[in-house]
């Protein structure tokens, strides 16, 4: 089971509507509870609707440091990146118990990662791609693979793990989760990247105790439907 990030830097990305931001916020809170010092960087500069910035109050109350675009949660959508991001990375000049999580808008939004590539390459990173087989543009493993490769091409970095975030919102059943497992496995085979976990709402996760790599989460971010 996916318990903790293995590096001091974890990048969470994925196609629009995959559930990436909800997973990133849950991950930040879970890692903070494990005793690590956690910073969450909102790099979802191409999608003003779903942003980790929406959860700033809960995150900071839990002790998670938040670094947000200058105009997050305003009606101004200008892709500006705060200089504080560098300060969150410079602490990794030596191994620490700190963790920086990047919530990164998929596809072209991953271009912004290139600004920090030297840090990632020097310190090492986990780059997790959230995939949802119930979204139109990633309904098949081959479509999801195309999206994954686009993110790699835009960022100049490699995905290291797949997070199966397949869901249908409040209508999600245990059968929907079970049906998504073969999709995630097929994508893993095509991409040659392991499935690190299947993220499932806690109430549904309790019904899937026999399924490996289940990662219970809460619905924290805004719902799409």
C-alpha atoms as a PDB file:
ATOM      1  CA  UNK A   1       0.000   0.000   0.000  1.00  0.00           C
ATOM      2  CA  UNK A   2       1.108   3.557  -0.726  1.00  0.00           C
ATOM      3  CA  UNK A   3       1.916   4.895   2.722  1.00  0.00           C
ATOM      4  CA  UNK A   4       4.367   7.753   2.267  1.00  0.00           C
ATOM      5  CA  UNK A   5       6.171   9.689  -0.430  1.00  0.00           C
ATOM      6  CA  UNK A   6       9.657   8.240  -0.858  1.00  0.00           C
ATOM      7  CA  UNK A   7      11.346  11.558  -1.697  1.00  0.00           C
ATOM      8  CA  UNK A   8      11.219  15.058  -0.260  1.00  0.00           C
ATOM      9  CA  UNK A   9       9.434  16.306  -3.380  1.00  0.00           C
ATOM     10  CA  UNK A  10       6.136  14.890  -4.658  1.00  0.00           C
ATOM     11  CA  UNK A  11       4.474  16.195  -7.806  1.00  0.00           C
ATOM     12  CA  UNK A  12       0.778  15.389  -8.251  1.00  0.00           C
ATOM     13  CA  UNK A  13      -0.541  15.847 -11.756  1.00  0.00           C
ATOM     14  CA  UNK A  14      -3.215  14.497 -14.073  1.00  0.00           C
ATOM     15  CA  UNK A  15      -5.783  15.370 -16.698  1.00  0.00           C
ATOM     16  CA  UNK A  16      -8.551  17.883 -15.996  1.00  0.00           C
ATOM     17  CA  UNK A  17     -11.248  16.381 -13.759  1.00  0.00           C
ATOM     18  CA  UNK A  18      -9.208  13.371 -12.664  1.00  0.00           C
ATOM     19  CA  UNK A  19      -9.403  14.280  -8.968  1.00  0.00           C
ATOM     20  CA  UNK A  20      -5.798  15.430  -8.771  1.00  0.00           C
ATOM     21  CA  UNK A  21      -6.258  18.395  -6.427  1.00  0.00           C
ATOM     22  CA  UNK A  22      -8.431  16.436  -4.009  1.00  0.00           C
ATOM     23  CA  UNK A  23      -5.763  13.743  -3.851  1.00  0.00           C
ATOM     24  CA  UNK A  24      -2.983  16.319  -3.377  1.00  0.00           C
ATOM     25  CA  UNK A  25      -4.767  17.995  -0.477  1.00  0.00           C
ATOM     26  CA  UNK A  26      -5.537  14.649   1.175  1.00  0.00           C
ATOM     27  CA  UNK A  27      -1.920  13.599   0.692  1.00  0.00           C
ATOM     28  CA  UNK A  28      -0.635  16.788   2.316  1.00  0.00           C
ATOM     29  CA  UNK A  29      -2.838  16.288   5.365  1.00  0.00           C
ATOM     30  CA  UNK A  30      -1.936  12.595   5.638  1.00  0.00           C
ATOM     31  CA  UNK A  31       1.792  13.265   5.381  1.00  0.00           C
ATOM     32  CA  UNK A  32       1.521  16.016   7.991  1.00  0.00           C
ATOM     33  CA  UNK A  33      -0.133  13.571  10.378  1.00  0.00           C
ATOM     34  CA  UNK A  34       2.798  11.195   9.864  1.00  0.00           C
ATOM     35  CA  UNK A  35       5.086  13.808  11.415  1.00  0.00           C
ATOM     36  CA  UNK A  36       6.648  15.453   8.382  1.00  0.00           C
ATOM     37  CA  UNK A  37       6.860  19.175   7.767  1.00  0.00           C
ATOM     38  CA  UNK A  38       4.716  19.642   4.670  1.00  0.00           C
ATOM     39  CA  UNK A  39       4.455  22.440   2.114  1.00  0.00           C
ATOM     40  CA  UNK A  40       1.767  22.364  -0.581  1.00  0.00           C
ATOM     41  CA  UNK A  41       2.516  24.405  -3.704  1.00  0.00           C
ATOM     42  CA  UNK A  42      -0.473  25.212  -5.903  1.00  0.00           C
ATOM     43  CA  UNK A  43       0.850  25.164  -9.467  1.00  0.00           C
ATOM     44  CA  UNK A  44      -2.543  24.575 -11.056  1.00  0.00           C
ATOM     45  CA  UNK A  45      -2.236  27.894 -12.859  1.00  0.00           C
ATOM     46  CA  UNK A  46      -4.311  26.824 -15.860  1.00  0.00           C
ATOM     47  CA  UNK A  47      -7.454  25.888 -13.947  1.00  0.00           C
ATOM     48  CA  UNK A  48      -8.934  28.632 -11.747  1.00  0.00           C
ATOM     49  CA  UNK A  49     -11.894  26.528 -10.616  1.00  0.00           C
ATOM     50  CA  UNK A  50     -10.267  23.583  -8.843  1.00  0.00           C
ATOM     51  CA  UNK A  51      -7.401  24.836  -6.722  1.00  0.00           C
ATOM     52  CA  UNK A  52      -5.677  23.770  -3.541  1.00  0.00           C
ATOM     53  CA  UNK A  53      -6.017  27.430  -2.567  1.00  0.00           C
ATOM     54  CA  UNK A  54      -9.656  26.708  -1.743  1.00  0.00           C
ATOM     55  CA  UNK A  55      -8.493  24.549   1.170  1.00  0.00           C
ATOM     56  CA  UNK A  56      -5.947  26.936   2.585  1.00  0.00           C
ATOM     57  CA  UNK A  57      -7.724  27.414   5.925  1.00  0.00           C
ATOM     58  CA  UNK A  58      -7.931  23.685   6.683  1.00  0.00           C
ATOM     59  CA  UNK A  59      -4.404  23.021   5.473  1.00  0.00           C
ATOM     60  CA  UNK A  60      -2.827  25.805   7.495  1.00  0.00           C
ATOM     61  CA  UNK A  61      -4.862  24.854  10.569  1.00  0.00           C
ATOM     62  CA  UNK A  62      -3.312  21.385  10.273  1.00  0.00           C
ATOM     63  CA  UNK A  63       0.175  22.910  10.033  1.00  0.00           C
ATOM     64  CA  UNK A  64       0.648  22.575   6.259  1.00  0.00           C
ATOM     65  CA  UNK A  65       2.449  25.530   4.682  1.00  0.00           C
ATOM     66  CA  UNK A  66       0.668  26.754   1.546  1.00  0.00           C
ATOM     67  CA  UNK A  67       2.316  28.534  -1.367  1.00  0.00           C
ATOM     68  CA  UNK A  68      -0.244  29.871  -3.813  1.00  0.00           C
ATOM     69  CA  UNK A  69      -0.284  31.838  -7.077  1.00  0.00           C
ATOM     70  CA  UNK A  70      -0.587  35.553  -6.404  1.00  0.00           C
ATOM     71  CA  UNK A  71      -4.099  35.747  -7.832  1.00  0.00           C
ATOM     72  CA  UNK A  72      -5.493  32.450  -6.527  1.00  0.00           C
ATOM     73  CA  UNK A  73      -9.146  32.697  -5.486  1.00  0.00           C
ATOM     74  CA  UNK A  74      -9.693  36.045  -7.175  1.00  0.00           C
ATOM     75  CA  UNK A  75     -11.377  36.852 -10.488  1.00  0.00           C
ATOM     76  CA  UNK A  76      -7.970  37.570 -12.006  1.00  0.00           C
ATOM     77  CA  UNK A  77      -6.457  34.569 -13.767  1.00  0.00           C
ATOM     78  CA  UNK A  78      -2.834  35.502 -14.435  1.00  0.00           C
ATOM     79  CA  UNK A  79      -0.231  32.702 -14.264  1.00  0.00           C
ATOM     80  CA  UNK A  80       2.172  34.236 -11.745  1.00  0.00           C
ATOM     81  CA  UNK A  81       4.367  32.014  -9.590  1.00  0.00           C
ATOM     82  CA  UNK A  82       5.489  33.224  -6.163  1.00  0.00           C
ATOM     83  CA  UNK A  83       9.233  33.308  -5.374  1.00  0.00           C
ATOM     84  CA  UNK A  84       8.528  31.445  -2.124  1.00  0.00           C
ATOM     85  CA  UNK A  85       8.546  28.228  -4.147  1.00  0.00           C
ATOM     86  CA  UNK A  86      12.331  28.422  -4.297  1.00  0.00           C
ATOM     87  CA  UNK A  87      12.546  28.707  -0.517  1.00  0.00           C
ATOM     88  CA  UNK A  88      10.490  25.524  -0.177  1.00  0.00           C
ATOM     89  CA  UNK A  89      13.002  23.672  -2.340  1.00  0.00           C
ATOM     90  CA  UNK A  90      16.257  25.062  -1.032  1.00  0.00           C
ATOM     91  CA  UNK A  91      15.756  23.256   2.287  1.00  0.00           C
ATOM     92  CA  UNK A  92      16.540  20.016   0.453  1.00  0.00           C
ATOM     93  CA  UNK A  93      20.226  20.708   0.104  1.00  0.00           C
ATOM     94  CA  UNK A  94      20.512  17.873   2.637  1.00  0.00           C
ATOM     95  CA  UNK A  95      18.108  15.056   3.560  1.00  0.00           C
ATOM     96  CA  UNK A  96      15.321  16.256   5.845  1.00  0.00           C
ATOM     97  CA  UNK A  97      11.957  15.176   7.143  1.00  0.00           C
ATOM     98  CA  UNK A  98      10.317  17.893   5.050  1.00  0.00           C
ATOM     99  CA  UNK A  99       8.044  17.300   2.079  1.00  0.00           C
ATOM    100  CA  UNK A 100       6.994  19.667  -0.696  1.00  0.00           C
ATOM    101  CA  UNK A 101       3.927  18.610  -2.687  1.00  0.00           C
ATOM    102  CA  UNK A 102       3.250  20.289  -6.033  1.00  0.00           C
ATOM    103  CA  UNK A 103      -0.367  20.320  -7.214  1.00  0.00           C
ATOM    104  CA  UNK A 104       0.201  20.738 -10.939  1.00  0.00           C
ATOM    105  CA  UNK A 105      -2.356  21.364 -13.667  1.00  0.00           C
ATOM    106  CA  UNK A 106      -2.065  18.615 -16.255  1.00  0.00           C
ATOM    107  CA  UNK A 107      -1.000  18.810 -19.886  1.00  0.00           C
ATOM    108  CA  UNK A 108       0.300  22.307 -20.717  1.00  0.00           C
ATOM    109  CA  UNK A 109       0.140  23.360 -17.078  1.00  0.00           C
ATOM    110  CA  UNK A 110       3.086  21.044 -16.450  1.00  0.00           C
ATOM    111  CA  UNK A 111       5.308  23.449 -18.417  1.00  0.00           C
ATOM    112  CA  UNK A 112       5.706  25.522 -15.240  1.00  0.00           C
ATOM    113  CA  UNK A 113       7.579  22.628 -13.640  1.00  0.00           C
ATOM    114  CA  UNK A 114      10.511  23.288 -15.948  1.00  0.00           C
ATOM    115  CA  UNK A 115      11.415  26.335 -13.872  1.00  0.00           C
ATOM    116  CA  UNK A 116      12.295  24.055 -10.957  1.00  0.00           C
ATOM    117  CA  UNK A 117      13.670  21.104 -12.860  1.00  0.00           C
ATOM    118  CA  UNK A 118      17.216  21.458 -11.505  1.00  0.00           C
ATOM    119  CA  UNK A 119      15.913  21.027  -7.960  1.00  0.00           C
ATOM    120  CA  UNK A 120      13.917  17.948  -8.899  1.00  0.00           C
ATOM    121  CA  UNK A 121      16.828  16.328 -10.681  1.00  0.00           C
ATOM    122  CA  UNK A 122      19.244  17.101  -7.846  1.00  0.00           C
ATOM    123  CA  UNK A 123      17.062  16.038  -4.934  1.00  0.00           C
ATOM    124  CA  UNK A 124      14.923  13.328  -6.541  1.00  0.00           C
ATOM    125  CA  UNK A 125      11.138  13.302  -6.745  1.00  0.00           C
ATOM    126  CA  UNK A 126       7.962  11.274  -6.928  1.00  0.00           C
ATOM    127  CA  UNK A 127       5.721  12.328  -9.822  1.00  0.00           C
ATOM    128  CA  UNK A 128       2.252  10.832  -9.484  1.00  0.00           C
ATOM    129  CA  UNK A 129      -0.261  10.927 -12.320  1.00  0.00           C
ATOM    130  CA  UNK A 130      -3.923  10.756 -11.288  1.00  0.00           C
ATOM    131  CA  UNK A 131      -6.138   8.978 -13.817  1.00  0.00           C
ATOM    132  CA  UNK A 132      -9.913   8.645 -13.991  1.00  0.00           C
ATOM    133  CA  UNK A 133     -11.416   6.211 -16.488  1.00  0.00           C
ATOM    134  CA  UNK A 134     -14.823   7.860 -16.053  1.00  0.00           C
ATOM    135  CA  UNK A 135     -13.678  11.101 -17.677  1.00  0.00           C
ATOM    136  CA  UNK A 136     -14.312  11.383 -21.468  1.00  0.00           C
ATOM    137  CA  UNK A 137     -10.724  12.098 -22.561  1.00  0.00           C
ATOM    138  CA  UNK A 138      -9.183   9.315 -20.444  1.00  0.00           C
ATOM    139  CA  UNK A 139     -11.852   6.648 -20.777  1.00  0.00           C
ATOM    140  CA  UNK A 140      -9.426   4.063 -22.165  1.00  0.00           C
ATOM    141  CA  UNK A 141      -5.920   3.119 -21.129  1.00  0.00           C
ATOM    142  CA  UNK A 142      -4.562   4.263 -24.476  1.00  0.00           C
ATOM    143  CA  UNK A 143      -6.204   7.689 -24.083  1.00  0.00           C
ATOM    144  CA  UNK A 144      -4.868   7.975 -20.546  1.00  0.00           C
ATOM    145  CA  UNK A 145      -1.415   7.011 -21.803  1.00  0.00           C
ATOM    146  CA  UNK A 146      -1.542   9.838 -24.350  1.00  0.00           C
ATOM    147  CA  UNK A 147      -2.413  12.303 -21.587  1.00  0.00           C
ATOM    148  CA  UNK A 148       0.378  10.937 -19.381  1.00  0.00           C
ATOM    149  CA  UNK A 149       2.930  11.304 -22.170  1.00  0.00           C
ATOM    150  CA  UNK A 150       1.768  14.871 -22.865  1.00  0.00           C
ATOM    151  CA  UNK A 151       2.412  15.756 -19.233  1.00  0.00           C
ATOM    152  CA  UNK A 152       5.884  14.213 -19.439  1.00  0.00           C
ATOM    153  CA  UNK A 153       6.645  16.041 -22.669  1.00  0.00           C
ATOM    154  CA  UNK A 154       5.460  19.400 -21.302  1.00  0.00           C
ATOM    155  CA  UNK A 155       7.354  19.083 -18.033  1.00  0.00           C
ATOM    156  CA  UNK A 156      10.471  17.343 -19.347  1.00  0.00           C
ATOM    157  CA  UNK A 157      10.108  14.905 -16.444  1.00  0.00           C
ATOM    158  CA  UNK A 158       9.019  11.312 -15.970  1.00  0.00           C
ATOM    159  CA  UNK A 159       5.918  10.007 -14.207  1.00  0.00           C
ATOM    160  CA  UNK A 160       7.032   7.616 -11.457  1.00  0.00           C
ATOM    161  CA  UNK A 161       3.658   6.350 -10.258  1.00  0.00           C
ATOM    162  CA  UNK A 162      -0.002   6.112 -11.263  1.00  0.00           C
ATOM    163  CA  UNK A 163      -2.821   6.971  -8.848  1.00  0.00           C
ATOM    164  CA  UNK A 164      -6.150   5.491  -9.846  1.00  0.00           C
ATOM    165  CA  UNK A 165      -8.638   8.230  -8.928  1.00  0.00           C
ATOM    166  CA  UNK A 166     -11.491   6.833 -11.040  1.00  0.00           C
ATOM    167  CA  UNK A 167     -14.826   7.976  -9.653  1.00  0.00           C
ATOM    168  CA  UNK A 168     -18.315   9.159 -10.544  1.00  0.00           C
ATOM    169  CA  UNK A 169     -18.708  11.609  -7.697  1.00  0.00           C
ATOM    170  CA  UNK A 170     -21.487  10.787  -5.252  1.00  0.00           C
ATOM    171  CA  UNK A 171     -22.726   8.071  -7.589  1.00  0.00           C
ATOM    172  CA  UNK A 172     -19.533   6.009  -7.237  1.00  0.00           C
ATOM    173  CA  UNK A 173     -20.129   2.401  -6.149  1.00  0.00           C
ATOM    174  CA  UNK A 174     -17.764  -0.348  -5.087  1.00  0.00           C
ATOM    175  CA  UNK A 175     -18.411  -1.945  -8.471  1.00  0.00           C
ATOM    176  CA  UNK A 176     -17.226   1.227 -10.219  1.00  0.00           C
ATOM    177  CA  UNK A 177     -13.969   1.081  -8.256  1.00  0.00           C
ATOM    178  CA  UNK A 178     -13.507  -2.630  -8.956  1.00  0.00           C
ATOM    179  CA  UNK A 179     -14.197  -2.067 -12.665  1.00  0.00           C
ATOM    180  CA  UNK A 180     -11.523   0.640 -12.777  1.00  0.00           C
ATOM    181  CA  UNK A 181      -8.742  -1.609 -11.520  1.00  0.00           C
ATOM    182  CA  UNK A 182      -8.184  -3.365 -14.854  1.00  0.00           C
ATOM    183  CA  UNK A 183      -8.008   0.044 -16.562  1.00  0.00           C
ATOM    184  CA  UNK A 184      -5.292   1.180 -14.156  1.00  0.00           C
ATOM    185  CA  UNK A 185      -3.387  -2.075 -14.566  1.00  0.00           C
ATOM    186  CA  UNK A 186      -3.547  -1.812 -18.371  1.00  0.00           C
ATOM    187  CA  UNK A 187      -2.280   1.766 -18.241  1.00  0.00           C
ATOM    188  CA  UNK A 188       0.511   0.661 -15.923  1.00  0.00           C
ATOM    189  CA  UNK A 189       1.551  -1.995 -18.412  1.00  0.00           C
ATOM    190  CA  UNK A 190       1.470   0.422 -21.348  1.00  0.00           C
ATOM    191  CA  UNK A 191       3.345   3.177 -19.511  1.00  0.00           C
ATOM    192  CA  UNK A 192       5.741   0.847 -17.664  1.00  0.00           C
ATOM    193  CA  UNK A 193       4.886   2.757 -14.483  1.00  0.00           C
ATOM    194  CA  UNK A 194       3.481   1.140 -11.317  1.00  0.00           C
ATOM    195  CA  UNK A 195       0.042   1.814  -9.886  1.00  0.00           C
ATOM    196  CA  UNK A 196       0.898   3.107  -6.412  1.00  0.00           C
ATOM    197  CA  UNK A 197      -2.664   3.228  -5.095  1.00  0.00           C
ATOM    198  CA  UNK A 198      -6.371   3.537  -5.817  1.00  0.00           C
ATOM    199  CA  UNK A 199      -7.778   6.605  -4.065  1.00  0.00           C
ATOM    200  CA  UNK A 200     -11.272   5.969  -2.739  1.00  0.00           C
ATOM    201  CA  UNK A 201     -13.657   7.873  -0.482  1.00  0.00           C
ATOM    202  CA  UNK A 202     -13.299   6.549   3.055  1.00  0.00           C
ATOM    203  CA  UNK A 203     -16.848   5.204   3.295  1.00  0.00           C
ATOM    204  CA  UNK A 204     -16.360   3.201   0.084  1.00  0.00           C
ATOM    205  CA  UNK A 205     -12.842   2.114   1.054  1.00  0.00           C
ATOM    206  CA  UNK A 206     -14.276   0.318   4.078  1.00  0.00           C
ATOM    207  CA  UNK A 207     -16.175  -1.973   1.698  1.00  0.00           C
ATOM    208  CA  UNK A 208     -13.007  -2.783  -0.265  1.00  0.00           C
ATOM    209  CA  UNK A 209     -10.858  -4.127   2.551  1.00  0.00           C
ATOM    210  CA  UNK A 210      -9.778  -7.084   0.432  1.00  0.00           C
ATOM    211  CA  UNK A 211      -8.505  -4.950  -2.446  1.00  0.00           C
ATOM    212  CA  UNK A 212      -4.809  -4.087  -2.431  1.00  0.00           C
ATOM    213  CA  UNK A 213      -3.397  -0.558  -2.489  1.00  0.00           C
ATOM    214  CA  UNK A 214      -6.580   1.236  -1.447  1.00  0.00           C
ATOM    215  CA  UNK A 215      -5.868   4.788  -0.261  1.00  0.00           C
ATOM    216  CA  UNK A 216      -8.820   6.240   1.713  1.00  0.00           C
ATOM    217  CA  UNK A 217      -9.463   9.938   1.143  1.00  0.00           C
ATOM    218  CA  UNK A 218     -12.091  12.566   1.959  1.00  0.00           C
ATOM    219  CA  UNK A 219     -13.935  14.774  -0.501  1.00  0.00           C
ATOM    220  CA  UNK A 220     -12.244  18.060   0.386  1.00  0.00           C
ATOM    221  CA  UNK A 221     -12.171  20.111  -2.794  1.00  0.00           C
ATOM    222  CA  UNK A 222     -15.137  21.424  -4.758  1.00  0.00           C
ATOM    223  CA  UNK A 223     -17.178  18.850  -6.648  1.00  0.00           C
ATOM    224  CA  UNK A 224     -17.427  18.878 -10.414  1.00  0.00           C
ATOM    225  CA  UNK A 225     -20.825  17.171 -10.358  1.00  0.00           C
END
